[in-house]
N, C-alpha and C. Protein backbone atom coordinates (compact mmCIF):
# COMPACT_ATOMS: atom_id res chain seq x y z
N MET A 1 -1.38 4.39 2.74
CA MET A 1 -2.50 4.74 3.60
C MET A 1 -3.29 5.91 3.00
N LYS A 2 -2.59 6.95 2.57
CA LYS A 2 -3.25 8.13 2.01
C LYS A 2 -4.06 7.76 0.77
N GLY A 3 -3.48 6.90 -0.09
CA GLY A 3 -4.19 6.50 -1.30
C GLY A 3 -5.47 5.75 -0.98
N SER A 4 -5.41 4.87 0.03
CA SER A 4 -6.60 4.10 0.40
C SER A 4 -7.70 5.01 0.95
N ILE A 5 -7.30 6.02 1.73
CA ILE A 5 -8.27 6.97 2.27
C ILE A 5 -8.92 7.77 1.14
N LEU A 6 -8.13 8.15 0.13
CA LEU A 6 -8.68 8.87 -1.01
C LEU A 6 -9.68 8.00 -1.77
N ILE A 7 -9.38 6.69 -1.89
CA ILE A 7 -10.30 5.78 -2.58
C ILE A 7 -11.64 5.72 -1.84
N VAL A 8 -11.57 5.56 -0.52
CA VAL A 8 -12.79 5.51 0.28
C VAL A 8 -13.55 6.84 0.17
N GLY A 9 -12.82 7.95 0.18
CA GLY A 9 -13.45 9.26 0.04
C GLY A 9 -14.16 9.41 -1.29
N ALA A 10 -13.52 8.94 -2.37
CA ALA A 10 -14.15 8.99 -3.70
C ALA A 10 -15.40 8.13 -3.75
N PHE A 11 -15.33 6.96 -3.10
CA PHE A 11 -16.49 6.08 -3.04
C PHE A 11 -17.66 6.75 -2.31
N VAL A 12 -17.39 7.36 -1.17
CA VAL A 12 -18.44 8.05 -0.39
C VAL A 12 -19.02 9.21 -1.20
N ALA A 13 -18.16 9.97 -1.88
CA ALA A 13 -18.63 11.08 -2.71
C ALA A 13 -19.54 10.57 -3.82
N GLY A 14 -19.18 9.42 -4.42
CA GLY A 14 -20.02 8.84 -5.45
C GLY A 14 -21.37 8.41 -4.93
N CYS A 15 -21.38 7.84 -3.73
CA CYS A 15 -22.65 7.43 -3.09
C CYS A 15 -23.56 8.64 -2.86
N ILE A 16 -22.96 9.73 -2.38
CA ILE A 16 -23.74 10.94 -2.11
C ILE A 16 -24.28 11.54 -3.41
N ALA A 17 -23.42 11.60 -4.44
CA ALA A 17 -23.84 12.15 -5.72
C ALA A 17 -24.95 11.33 -6.35
N GLY A 18 -24.83 10.01 -6.26
CA GLY A 18 -25.87 9.15 -6.80
C GLY A 18 -27.18 9.26 -6.04
N ARG A 19 -27.08 9.35 -4.74
CA ARG A 19 -28.27 9.44 -3.89
C ARG A 19 -29.03 10.74 -4.12
N LEU A 20 -28.29 11.82 -4.32
CA LEU A 20 -28.91 13.14 -4.49
C LEU A 20 -29.27 13.44 -5.94
N GLY A 21 -28.98 12.52 -6.85
CA GLY A 21 -29.36 12.71 -8.24
C GLY A 21 -28.55 13.73 -8.99
N TRP A 22 -27.28 13.88 -8.61
CA TRP A 22 -26.44 14.87 -9.27
C TRP A 22 -25.84 14.36 -10.59
N LEU A 23 -25.96 13.09 -10.87
CA LEU A 23 -25.29 12.50 -12.04
C LEU A 23 -26.25 12.35 -13.20
N PRO A 24 -25.76 12.52 -14.44
CA PRO A 24 -26.62 12.31 -15.61
C PRO A 24 -27.01 10.84 -15.74
N ASN A 25 -28.12 10.59 -16.40
CA ASN A 25 -28.66 9.23 -16.50
C ASN A 25 -27.70 8.27 -17.19
N TRP A 26 -26.93 8.78 -18.17
CA TRP A 26 -26.06 7.87 -18.91
C TRP A 26 -24.89 7.36 -18.06
N TRP A 27 -24.65 8.02 -16.91
CA TRP A 27 -23.63 7.55 -15.98
C TRP A 27 -24.11 6.36 -15.16
N LEU A 28 -25.44 6.20 -15.08
CA LEU A 28 -26.01 5.24 -14.13
C LEU A 28 -26.22 3.86 -14.73
N GLY A 29 -26.11 3.72 -16.03
CA GLY A 29 -26.30 2.42 -16.65
C GLY A 29 -25.07 1.55 -16.56
N GLY A 30 -25.18 0.32 -17.06
CA GLY A 30 -24.07 -0.62 -16.99
C GLY A 30 -23.01 -0.38 -18.04
N ALA A 31 -23.34 0.38 -19.11
CA ALA A 31 -22.40 0.56 -20.22
C ALA A 31 -21.13 1.28 -19.77
N LEU A 32 -21.29 2.32 -18.96
CA LEU A 32 -20.12 3.07 -18.50
C LEU A 32 -19.21 2.19 -17.65
N SER A 33 -19.80 1.42 -16.75
CA SER A 33 -19.01 0.51 -15.91
C SER A 33 -18.23 -0.49 -16.75
N LEU A 34 -18.86 -0.95 -17.83
CA LEU A 34 -18.21 -1.93 -18.70
C LEU A 34 -16.99 -1.31 -19.37
N TRP A 35 -17.11 -0.06 -19.84
CA TRP A 35 -15.97 0.59 -20.49
C TRP A 35 -14.86 0.90 -19.49
N VAL A 36 -15.25 1.26 -18.27
CA VAL A 36 -14.26 1.45 -17.21
C VAL A 36 -13.53 0.14 -16.94
N LEU A 37 -14.28 -0.97 -16.96
CA LEU A 37 -13.69 -2.29 -16.77
C LEU A 37 -12.67 -2.59 -17.87
N TYR A 38 -13.03 -2.30 -19.12
CA TYR A 38 -12.10 -2.51 -20.23
C TYR A 38 -10.82 -1.70 -20.03
N ALA A 39 -10.99 -0.44 -19.59
CA ALA A 39 -9.83 0.43 -19.37
C ALA A 39 -8.94 -0.12 -18.25
N LEU A 40 -9.55 -0.64 -17.19
CA LEU A 40 -8.78 -1.22 -16.09
C LEU A 40 -8.02 -2.46 -16.55
N MET A 41 -8.68 -3.29 -17.36
CA MET A 41 -8.01 -4.49 -17.86
C MET A 41 -6.82 -4.11 -18.74
N LEU A 42 -6.99 -3.07 -19.56
CA LEU A 42 -5.88 -2.58 -20.38
C LEU A 42 -4.74 -2.09 -19.50
N GLN A 43 -5.10 -1.36 -18.42
CA GLN A 43 -4.08 -0.85 -17.52
C GLN A 43 -3.32 -1.96 -16.82
N VAL A 44 -4.04 -3.03 -16.45
CA VAL A 44 -3.39 -4.19 -15.82
C VAL A 44 -2.35 -4.78 -16.76
N GLY A 45 -2.75 -4.98 -18.01
CA GLY A 45 -1.83 -5.55 -18.99
C GLY A 45 -0.62 -4.66 -19.24
N ILE A 46 -0.85 -3.35 -19.36
CA ILE A 46 0.25 -2.42 -19.58
C ILE A 46 1.18 -2.40 -18.38
N GLY A 47 0.59 -2.37 -17.17
CA GLY A 47 1.40 -2.31 -15.96
C GLY A 47 2.30 -3.51 -15.80
N ILE A 48 1.74 -4.71 -16.05
CA ILE A 48 2.53 -5.93 -15.92
C ILE A 48 3.56 -6.03 -17.04
N GLY A 49 3.12 -5.75 -18.28
CA GLY A 49 4.01 -5.90 -19.43
C GLY A 49 5.16 -4.92 -19.46
N SER A 50 4.96 -3.73 -18.90
CA SER A 50 5.99 -2.70 -18.96
C SER A 50 6.92 -2.71 -17.75
N ASP A 51 6.66 -3.56 -16.79
CA ASP A 51 7.50 -3.62 -15.59
C ASP A 51 8.90 -4.12 -15.96
N SER A 52 9.89 -3.32 -15.68
CA SER A 52 11.27 -3.67 -16.06
C SER A 52 11.77 -4.91 -15.32
N ARG A 53 11.11 -5.25 -14.21
CA ARG A 53 11.54 -6.41 -13.42
C ARG A 53 10.89 -7.71 -13.89
N LEU A 54 10.00 -7.62 -14.90
CA LEU A 54 9.19 -8.79 -15.27
C LEU A 54 10.05 -9.96 -15.74
N LYS A 55 11.02 -9.69 -16.62
CA LYS A 55 11.87 -10.77 -17.13
C LYS A 55 12.64 -11.44 -16.01
N GLU A 56 13.18 -10.61 -15.12
CA GLU A 56 13.95 -11.15 -14.00
C GLU A 56 13.07 -11.98 -13.09
N ILE A 57 11.85 -11.51 -12.88
CA ILE A 57 10.92 -12.23 -12.00
C ILE A 57 10.59 -13.60 -12.57
N PHE A 58 10.20 -13.64 -13.83
CA PHE A 58 9.82 -14.92 -14.44
C PHE A 58 11.02 -15.85 -14.62
N ARG A 59 12.20 -15.27 -14.82
CA ARG A 59 13.41 -16.08 -14.97
C ARG A 59 13.78 -16.76 -13.65
N SER A 60 13.39 -16.16 -12.55
CA SER A 60 13.77 -16.67 -11.24
C SER A 60 12.69 -17.53 -10.58
N ILE A 61 11.60 -17.78 -11.30
CA ILE A 61 10.51 -18.57 -10.72
C ILE A 61 10.95 -20.02 -10.52
N THR A 62 10.73 -20.52 -9.34
CA THR A 62 10.97 -21.94 -9.03
C THR A 62 9.71 -22.49 -8.36
N PRO A 63 9.56 -23.81 -8.34
CA PRO A 63 8.39 -24.38 -7.66
C PRO A 63 8.24 -23.91 -6.22
N ARG A 64 9.37 -23.68 -5.55
CA ARG A 64 9.30 -23.26 -4.14
C ARG A 64 8.74 -21.85 -4.00
N THR A 65 9.18 -20.93 -4.87
CA THR A 65 8.68 -19.55 -4.76
C THR A 65 7.21 -19.46 -5.13
N LEU A 66 6.73 -20.40 -5.92
CA LEU A 66 5.31 -20.38 -6.30
C LEU A 66 4.39 -20.79 -5.15
N LEU A 67 4.96 -21.39 -4.12
CA LEU A 67 4.14 -21.83 -2.99
C LEU A 67 3.49 -20.66 -2.27
N VAL A 68 4.17 -19.51 -2.22
CA VAL A 68 3.64 -18.36 -1.47
C VAL A 68 2.37 -17.82 -2.13
N PRO A 69 2.39 -17.44 -3.43
CA PRO A 69 1.14 -16.97 -4.04
C PRO A 69 0.06 -18.05 -4.07
N CYS A 70 0.46 -19.30 -4.24
CA CYS A 70 -0.53 -20.39 -4.23
C CYS A 70 -1.21 -20.49 -2.87
N ALA A 71 -0.41 -20.34 -1.81
CA ALA A 71 -0.97 -20.38 -0.45
C ALA A 71 -1.92 -19.22 -0.22
N THR A 72 -1.58 -18.03 -0.73
CA THR A 72 -2.46 -16.87 -0.60
C THR A 72 -3.78 -17.10 -1.31
N ILE A 73 -3.71 -17.60 -2.54
CA ILE A 73 -4.92 -17.81 -3.33
C ILE A 73 -5.80 -18.88 -2.72
N VAL A 74 -5.22 -20.03 -2.42
CA VAL A 74 -6.00 -21.14 -1.86
C VAL A 74 -6.55 -20.77 -0.47
N GLY A 75 -5.70 -20.15 0.35
CA GLY A 75 -6.13 -19.77 1.69
C GLY A 75 -7.26 -18.76 1.67
N THR A 76 -7.19 -17.77 0.77
CA THR A 76 -8.25 -16.77 0.67
C THR A 76 -9.56 -17.38 0.21
N ILE A 77 -9.49 -18.25 -0.79
CA ILE A 77 -10.70 -18.90 -1.29
C ILE A 77 -11.33 -19.77 -0.21
N PHE A 78 -10.51 -20.52 0.50
CA PHE A 78 -11.03 -21.41 1.54
C PHE A 78 -11.64 -20.59 2.69
N ALA A 79 -10.96 -19.52 3.10
CA ALA A 79 -11.49 -18.68 4.18
C ALA A 79 -12.80 -18.01 3.75
N SER A 80 -12.86 -17.56 2.50
CA SER A 80 -14.10 -16.95 2.00
C SER A 80 -15.24 -17.97 1.99
N PHE A 81 -14.92 -19.19 1.62
CA PHE A 81 -15.93 -20.25 1.62
C PHE A 81 -16.48 -20.48 3.03
N LEU A 82 -15.59 -20.52 4.02
CA LEU A 82 -16.04 -20.72 5.40
C LEU A 82 -16.88 -19.54 5.89
N ILE A 83 -16.47 -18.33 5.55
CA ILE A 83 -17.21 -17.14 5.97
C ILE A 83 -18.60 -17.11 5.36
N SER A 84 -18.74 -17.66 4.16
CA SER A 84 -20.04 -17.61 3.47
C SER A 84 -21.15 -18.28 4.26
N PHE A 85 -20.80 -19.24 5.14
CA PHE A 85 -21.83 -19.92 5.93
C PHE A 85 -22.45 -18.99 6.97
N ALA A 86 -21.76 -17.92 7.29
CA ALA A 86 -22.29 -16.95 8.26
C ALA A 86 -23.06 -15.82 7.58
N LEU A 87 -23.12 -15.83 6.24
CA LEU A 87 -23.77 -14.76 5.49
C LEU A 87 -24.94 -15.33 4.69
N ALA A 88 -26.14 -15.14 5.20
CA ALA A 88 -27.32 -15.69 4.54
C ALA A 88 -27.65 -14.95 3.24
N ARG A 89 -27.23 -13.71 3.15
CA ARG A 89 -27.59 -12.86 1.99
C ARG A 89 -26.89 -13.29 0.71
N TRP A 90 -25.67 -13.84 0.82
CA TRP A 90 -24.87 -14.12 -0.36
C TRP A 90 -24.47 -15.59 -0.41
N SER A 91 -24.33 -16.11 -1.64
CA SER A 91 -23.94 -17.51 -1.82
C SER A 91 -22.44 -17.67 -1.60
N ALA A 92 -22.01 -18.91 -1.51
CA ALA A 92 -20.59 -19.20 -1.29
C ALA A 92 -19.75 -18.69 -2.45
N THR A 93 -20.22 -18.90 -3.69
CA THR A 93 -19.44 -18.45 -4.84
C THR A 93 -19.35 -16.94 -4.92
N GLU A 94 -20.40 -16.23 -4.49
CA GLU A 94 -20.37 -14.77 -4.47
C GLU A 94 -19.37 -14.25 -3.44
N VAL A 95 -19.34 -14.88 -2.27
CA VAL A 95 -18.37 -14.48 -1.25
C VAL A 95 -16.95 -14.79 -1.71
N MET A 96 -16.76 -15.92 -2.38
CA MET A 96 -15.44 -16.27 -2.89
C MET A 96 -15.00 -15.30 -3.99
N ALA A 97 -15.95 -14.82 -4.80
CA ALA A 97 -15.62 -13.81 -5.82
C ALA A 97 -15.14 -12.53 -5.15
N VAL A 98 -15.77 -12.15 -4.05
CA VAL A 98 -15.34 -10.97 -3.29
C VAL A 98 -13.92 -11.18 -2.77
N GLY A 99 -13.66 -12.34 -2.18
CA GLY A 99 -12.34 -12.63 -1.64
C GLY A 99 -11.25 -12.65 -2.70
N CYS A 100 -11.61 -13.07 -3.91
CA CYS A 100 -10.62 -13.20 -4.98
C CYS A 100 -10.19 -11.86 -5.56
N GLY A 101 -10.68 -10.77 -4.97
CA GLY A 101 -10.12 -9.47 -5.34
C GLY A 101 -8.69 -9.32 -4.83
N PHE A 102 -8.35 -10.05 -3.75
CA PHE A 102 -6.99 -10.07 -3.19
C PHE A 102 -6.42 -8.67 -2.95
N GLY A 103 -7.28 -7.73 -2.56
CA GLY A 103 -6.82 -6.37 -2.31
C GLY A 103 -6.87 -5.46 -3.53
N TYR A 104 -7.13 -6.02 -4.71
CA TYR A 104 -7.21 -5.22 -5.93
C TYR A 104 -8.65 -4.70 -6.05
N TYR A 105 -8.98 -3.72 -5.23
CA TYR A 105 -10.37 -3.30 -5.07
C TYR A 105 -10.95 -2.63 -6.31
N SER A 106 -10.16 -1.86 -7.05
CA SER A 106 -10.70 -1.14 -8.20
C SER A 106 -11.18 -2.08 -9.29
N LEU A 107 -10.36 -3.05 -9.64
CA LEU A 107 -10.73 -3.99 -10.70
C LEU A 107 -11.79 -4.97 -10.22
N SER A 108 -11.61 -5.56 -9.05
CA SER A 108 -12.52 -6.61 -8.59
C SER A 108 -13.93 -6.10 -8.35
N SER A 109 -14.07 -4.88 -7.82
CA SER A 109 -15.41 -4.36 -7.55
C SER A 109 -16.19 -4.13 -8.84
N ILE A 110 -15.53 -3.63 -9.88
CA ILE A 110 -16.20 -3.43 -11.16
C ILE A 110 -16.50 -4.77 -11.83
N LEU A 111 -15.57 -5.71 -11.74
CA LEU A 111 -15.81 -7.04 -12.29
C LEU A 111 -17.05 -7.69 -11.66
N VAL A 112 -17.11 -7.65 -10.33
CA VAL A 112 -18.23 -8.30 -9.63
C VAL A 112 -19.55 -7.64 -9.99
N SER A 113 -19.62 -6.31 -9.90
CA SER A 113 -20.88 -5.63 -10.18
C SER A 113 -21.32 -5.81 -11.63
N SER A 114 -20.38 -5.83 -12.57
CA SER A 114 -20.72 -5.98 -13.98
C SER A 114 -21.14 -7.41 -14.31
N LEU A 115 -20.40 -8.38 -13.80
CA LEU A 115 -20.66 -9.77 -14.16
C LEU A 115 -21.85 -10.38 -13.43
N LYS A 116 -22.17 -9.87 -12.25
CA LYS A 116 -23.30 -10.42 -11.49
C LYS A 116 -24.63 -9.76 -11.82
N GLU A 117 -24.60 -8.67 -12.57
CA GLU A 117 -25.84 -7.95 -12.86
C GLU A 117 -26.86 -8.83 -13.57
N ALA A 118 -26.39 -9.64 -14.53
CA ALA A 118 -27.32 -10.49 -15.28
C ALA A 118 -27.93 -11.59 -14.41
N HIS A 119 -27.24 -11.99 -13.35
CA HIS A 119 -27.71 -13.08 -12.50
C HIS A 119 -28.60 -12.61 -11.36
N ILE A 120 -28.24 -11.49 -10.74
CA ILE A 120 -28.95 -11.11 -9.51
C ILE A 120 -29.60 -9.73 -9.60
N GLY A 121 -29.48 -9.07 -10.75
CA GLY A 121 -30.09 -7.76 -10.92
C GLY A 121 -29.14 -6.62 -10.61
N LEU A 122 -29.49 -5.43 -11.11
CA LEU A 122 -28.60 -4.27 -11.00
C LEU A 122 -28.36 -3.85 -9.55
N GLN A 123 -29.44 -3.78 -8.75
CA GLN A 123 -29.29 -3.29 -7.38
C GLN A 123 -28.44 -4.22 -6.53
N ALA A 124 -28.74 -5.53 -6.60
CA ALA A 124 -27.97 -6.50 -5.82
C ALA A 124 -26.53 -6.57 -6.29
N ALA A 125 -26.31 -6.46 -7.61
CA ALA A 125 -24.95 -6.50 -8.15
C ALA A 125 -24.15 -5.28 -7.68
N ALA A 126 -24.80 -4.12 -7.66
CA ALA A 126 -24.13 -2.91 -7.18
C ALA A 126 -23.78 -3.05 -5.69
N GLU A 127 -24.68 -3.67 -4.92
CA GLU A 127 -24.41 -3.88 -3.50
C GLU A 127 -23.23 -4.82 -3.31
N LEU A 128 -23.21 -5.91 -4.09
CA LEU A 128 -22.09 -6.86 -3.97
C LEU A 128 -20.79 -6.22 -4.43
N GLY A 129 -20.85 -5.39 -5.46
CA GLY A 129 -19.66 -4.68 -5.90
C GLY A 129 -19.13 -3.74 -4.83
N THR A 130 -20.04 -3.10 -4.10
CA THR A 130 -19.65 -2.23 -3.01
C THR A 130 -18.97 -3.01 -1.89
N ILE A 131 -19.54 -4.17 -1.58
CA ILE A 131 -18.93 -5.04 -0.56
C ILE A 131 -17.53 -5.45 -1.00
N THR A 132 -17.39 -5.77 -2.29
CA THR A 132 -16.08 -6.15 -2.83
C THR A 132 -15.07 -5.02 -2.66
N LEU A 133 -15.50 -3.80 -3.00
CA LEU A 133 -14.63 -2.65 -2.85
C LEU A 133 -14.16 -2.48 -1.41
N MET A 134 -15.12 -2.49 -0.48
CA MET A 134 -14.78 -2.24 0.92
C MET A 134 -13.95 -3.37 1.51
N ALA A 135 -14.30 -4.61 1.19
CA ALA A 135 -13.56 -5.75 1.74
C ALA A 135 -12.09 -5.71 1.31
N ASN A 136 -11.86 -5.36 0.05
CA ASN A 136 -10.49 -5.36 -0.44
C ASN A 136 -9.71 -4.11 -0.05
N VAL A 137 -10.41 -2.98 0.15
CA VAL A 137 -9.76 -1.81 0.73
C VAL A 137 -9.30 -2.13 2.15
N PHE A 138 -10.18 -2.79 2.93
CA PHE A 138 -9.83 -3.15 4.30
C PHE A 138 -8.67 -4.13 4.34
N ARG A 139 -8.59 -5.01 3.34
CA ARG A 139 -7.46 -5.96 3.31
C ARG A 139 -6.15 -5.20 3.16
N GLU A 140 -6.14 -4.22 2.28
CA GLU A 140 -4.94 -3.41 2.10
C GLU A 140 -4.61 -2.62 3.35
N LEU A 141 -5.62 -1.98 3.94
CA LEU A 141 -5.41 -1.17 5.13
C LEU A 141 -4.91 -2.01 6.31
N MET A 142 -5.48 -3.20 6.47
CA MET A 142 -5.05 -4.06 7.58
C MET A 142 -3.61 -4.50 7.41
N THR A 143 -3.19 -4.73 6.17
CA THR A 143 -1.79 -5.08 5.93
C THR A 143 -0.87 -3.93 6.28
N LEU A 144 -1.27 -2.73 5.87
CA LEU A 144 -0.45 -1.55 6.18
C LEU A 144 -0.35 -1.29 7.68
N LEU A 145 -1.47 -1.49 8.38
CA LEU A 145 -1.51 -1.16 9.81
C LEU A 145 -0.88 -2.24 10.68
N PHE A 146 -1.09 -3.50 10.31
CA PHE A 146 -0.71 -4.60 11.20
C PHE A 146 0.50 -5.40 10.71
N ALA A 147 1.21 -4.91 9.71
CA ALA A 147 2.38 -5.62 9.19
C ALA A 147 3.39 -5.99 10.28
N PRO A 148 3.77 -5.07 11.18
CA PRO A 148 4.76 -5.45 12.20
C PRO A 148 4.26 -6.56 13.13
N TYR A 149 2.97 -6.56 13.43
CA TYR A 149 2.41 -7.59 14.30
C TYR A 149 2.32 -8.93 13.58
N MET A 150 2.04 -8.90 12.27
CA MET A 150 2.00 -10.13 11.49
C MET A 150 3.37 -10.81 11.46
N VAL A 151 4.41 -9.98 11.31
CA VAL A 151 5.78 -10.53 11.33
C VAL A 151 6.09 -11.12 12.70
N LYS A 152 5.68 -10.43 13.75
CA LYS A 152 5.97 -10.87 15.11
C LYS A 152 5.20 -12.14 15.47
N TRP A 153 3.91 -12.18 15.14
CA TRP A 153 3.05 -13.29 15.54
C TRP A 153 3.16 -14.50 14.62
N PHE A 154 3.47 -14.26 13.36
CA PHE A 154 3.51 -15.36 12.39
C PHE A 154 4.93 -15.53 11.83
N SER A 155 5.24 -14.80 10.78
CA SER A 155 6.57 -14.88 10.16
C SER A 155 6.70 -13.72 9.19
N PRO A 156 7.86 -13.53 8.56
CA PRO A 156 7.98 -12.48 7.55
C PRO A 156 7.02 -12.65 6.38
N LEU A 157 6.51 -13.86 6.20
CA LEU A 157 5.55 -14.09 5.11
C LEU A 157 4.15 -13.59 5.46
N GLY A 158 3.90 -13.28 6.73
CA GLY A 158 2.57 -12.85 7.16
C GLY A 158 2.01 -11.67 6.38
N PRO A 159 2.72 -10.53 6.36
CA PRO A 159 2.20 -9.38 5.61
C PRO A 159 2.20 -9.60 4.10
N ILE A 160 3.03 -10.50 3.61
CA ILE A 160 3.04 -10.77 2.17
C ILE A 160 1.75 -11.47 1.76
N THR A 161 1.39 -12.53 2.47
CA THR A 161 0.16 -13.24 2.13
C THR A 161 -1.07 -12.38 2.42
N ALA A 162 -1.01 -11.57 3.48
CA ALA A 162 -2.14 -10.70 3.80
C ALA A 162 -2.32 -9.62 2.75
N GLY A 163 -1.20 -9.14 2.18
CA GLY A 163 -1.28 -8.05 1.21
C GLY A 163 -1.87 -8.43 -0.12
N GLY A 164 -1.87 -9.72 -0.46
CA GLY A 164 -2.44 -10.15 -1.72
C GLY A 164 -1.77 -9.51 -2.92
N ALA A 165 -2.60 -8.96 -3.81
CA ALA A 165 -2.07 -8.36 -5.04
C ALA A 165 -1.34 -7.06 -4.78
N THR A 166 -1.51 -6.47 -3.59
CA THR A 166 -0.91 -5.16 -3.31
C THR A 166 0.57 -5.23 -2.96
N THR A 167 1.12 -6.44 -2.84
CA THR A 167 2.53 -6.54 -2.45
C THR A 167 3.48 -6.13 -3.57
N ILE A 168 2.94 -5.88 -4.74
CA ILE A 168 3.79 -5.40 -5.84
C ILE A 168 3.92 -3.88 -5.80
N ASP A 169 3.04 -3.20 -5.06
CA ASP A 169 3.09 -1.74 -5.06
C ASP A 169 2.81 -1.13 -3.68
N VAL A 170 1.54 -1.03 -3.30
CA VAL A 170 1.15 -0.23 -2.13
C VAL A 170 1.77 -0.73 -0.83
N THR A 171 1.68 -2.04 -0.59
CA THR A 171 2.17 -2.57 0.68
C THR A 171 3.64 -2.98 0.65
N LEU A 172 4.29 -2.85 -0.50
CA LEU A 172 5.69 -3.27 -0.61
C LEU A 172 6.63 -2.53 0.35
N PRO A 173 6.46 -1.21 0.54
CA PRO A 173 7.36 -0.52 1.48
C PRO A 173 7.28 -1.04 2.91
N VAL A 174 6.05 -1.31 3.41
CA VAL A 174 5.95 -1.80 4.79
C VAL A 174 6.45 -3.23 4.90
N ILE A 175 6.28 -4.01 3.84
CA ILE A 175 6.79 -5.38 3.84
C ILE A 175 8.32 -5.35 3.88
N THR A 176 8.91 -4.49 3.06
CA THR A 176 10.38 -4.36 3.05
C THR A 176 10.90 -3.90 4.41
N ARG A 177 10.15 -3.01 5.05
CA ARG A 177 10.58 -2.46 6.33
C ARG A 177 10.50 -3.49 7.45
N PHE A 178 9.40 -4.23 7.53
CA PHE A 178 9.19 -5.10 8.68
C PHE A 178 9.57 -6.56 8.41
N SER A 179 9.42 -7.04 7.18
CA SER A 179 9.84 -8.41 6.87
C SER A 179 11.33 -8.47 6.53
N GLY A 180 11.86 -7.35 6.01
CA GLY A 180 13.27 -7.30 5.64
C GLY A 180 13.46 -7.32 4.13
N ARG A 181 14.55 -6.76 3.67
CA ARG A 181 14.82 -6.67 2.23
C ARG A 181 15.04 -8.05 1.60
N ASP A 182 15.35 -9.04 2.41
CA ASP A 182 15.53 -10.39 1.86
C ASP A 182 14.25 -10.93 1.24
N TRP A 183 13.11 -10.37 1.67
CA TRP A 183 11.81 -10.84 1.18
C TRP A 183 11.27 -9.97 0.07
N LEU A 184 12.06 -9.03 -0.41
CA LEU A 184 11.59 -8.10 -1.44
C LEU A 184 11.19 -8.83 -2.72
N PHE A 185 12.06 -9.71 -3.20
CA PHE A 185 11.77 -10.42 -4.44
C PHE A 185 10.54 -11.31 -4.29
N VAL A 186 10.42 -12.00 -3.17
CA VAL A 186 9.27 -12.87 -2.94
C VAL A 186 7.97 -12.06 -2.96
N ALA A 187 8.01 -10.86 -2.35
CA ALA A 187 6.82 -10.00 -2.31
C ALA A 187 6.43 -9.53 -3.70
N ILE A 188 7.42 -9.16 -4.51
CA ILE A 188 7.14 -8.69 -5.87
C ILE A 188 6.57 -9.81 -6.73
N LEU A 189 7.21 -10.98 -6.68
CA LEU A 189 6.73 -12.12 -7.45
C LEU A 189 5.32 -12.50 -7.00
N HIS A 190 5.11 -12.51 -5.70
CA HIS A 190 3.79 -12.82 -5.14
C HIS A 190 2.74 -11.84 -5.67
N GLY A 191 3.06 -10.54 -5.64
CA GLY A 191 2.12 -9.53 -6.11
C GLY A 191 1.78 -9.68 -7.58
N VAL A 192 2.79 -9.96 -8.41
CA VAL A 192 2.56 -10.12 -9.85
C VAL A 192 1.61 -11.29 -10.12
N LEU A 193 1.89 -12.44 -9.51
CA LEU A 193 1.10 -13.64 -9.80
C LEU A 193 -0.31 -13.55 -9.22
N VAL A 194 -0.44 -13.01 -8.01
CA VAL A 194 -1.78 -12.86 -7.43
C VAL A 194 -2.58 -11.82 -8.21
N ASP A 195 -1.93 -10.73 -8.58
CA ASP A 195 -2.56 -9.69 -9.41
C ASP A 195 -3.07 -10.31 -10.71
N PHE A 196 -2.27 -11.14 -11.33
CA PHE A 196 -2.61 -11.76 -12.61
C PHE A 196 -3.81 -12.71 -12.47
N SER A 197 -4.01 -13.27 -11.28
CA SER A 197 -5.09 -14.23 -11.08
C SER A 197 -6.47 -13.58 -10.94
N VAL A 198 -6.50 -12.30 -10.55
CA VAL A 198 -7.78 -11.63 -10.28
C VAL A 198 -8.72 -11.62 -11.49
N PRO A 199 -8.26 -11.25 -12.71
CA PRO A 199 -9.18 -11.23 -13.85
C PRO A 199 -9.69 -12.62 -14.26
N PHE A 200 -9.10 -13.67 -13.73
CA PHE A 200 -9.54 -15.02 -14.06
C PHE A 200 -10.43 -15.61 -12.96
N LEU A 201 -10.02 -15.45 -11.72
CA LEU A 201 -10.75 -16.07 -10.62
C LEU A 201 -12.06 -15.36 -10.31
N VAL A 202 -12.07 -14.03 -10.34
CA VAL A 202 -13.31 -13.30 -10.05
C VAL A 202 -14.40 -13.64 -11.07
N PRO A 203 -14.13 -13.57 -12.38
CA PRO A 203 -15.17 -13.98 -13.34
C PRO A 203 -15.58 -15.46 -13.19
N PHE A 204 -14.64 -16.32 -12.82
CA PHE A 204 -14.98 -17.74 -12.65
C PHE A 204 -16.03 -17.91 -11.57
N PHE A 205 -15.83 -17.30 -10.41
CA PHE A 205 -16.80 -17.44 -9.32
C PHE A 205 -18.08 -16.63 -9.59
N CYS A 206 -17.97 -15.56 -10.36
CA CYS A 206 -19.16 -14.79 -10.72
C CYS A 206 -20.05 -15.51 -11.73
N SER A 207 -19.51 -16.52 -12.41
CA SER A 207 -20.27 -17.21 -13.46
C SER A 207 -21.33 -18.14 -12.89
N PHE A 208 -21.27 -18.43 -11.59
CA PHE A 208 -22.25 -19.31 -10.97
C PHE A 208 -23.49 -18.51 -10.59
N ASN A 209 -24.66 -19.09 -10.78
CA ASN A 209 -25.92 -18.43 -10.42
C ASN A 209 -26.15 -18.49 -8.91
């Protein structure tokens, strides 16, 4: 929770600094965002590759355990597609790109704003990137806040699918607490695979005009 609040605070501070003209011009172009994106992609690879549990996770993968991350991915894309009909401002593929952040707000927001700039312009791309950031921050926050109710109303898998890519780190403690330690491995595997899908699915949906 504290980390998510700090992220929102940093975002608000950036908006204020940009609005008041406190930042140098070279910060405002697309080049800096692109290098930040490269750094995030490197961090994703290092984080996944250096995880001591990675071998055990992949060794234990079965078709049945893959159903959970597949359900999260397909369900999120389908829900985003349905929501797009209520949003005249954005196309279905743009809304699906936002949804495919799966709670990984730092990477997905930069991916969306960088990749959509050539199609819809800098201002609109920055707006869509902001929406991506906020939507995925809220996904993480809702999982943290409503995990016990998800378990009660649905099943122990409720907070796992809601958490998306965050079930490998931020939301793992609340999942372990309310879903039970028996679901720990499923949550970690789910987080790894959904996390891994973000750099592929977001650019795929961003590639449409």
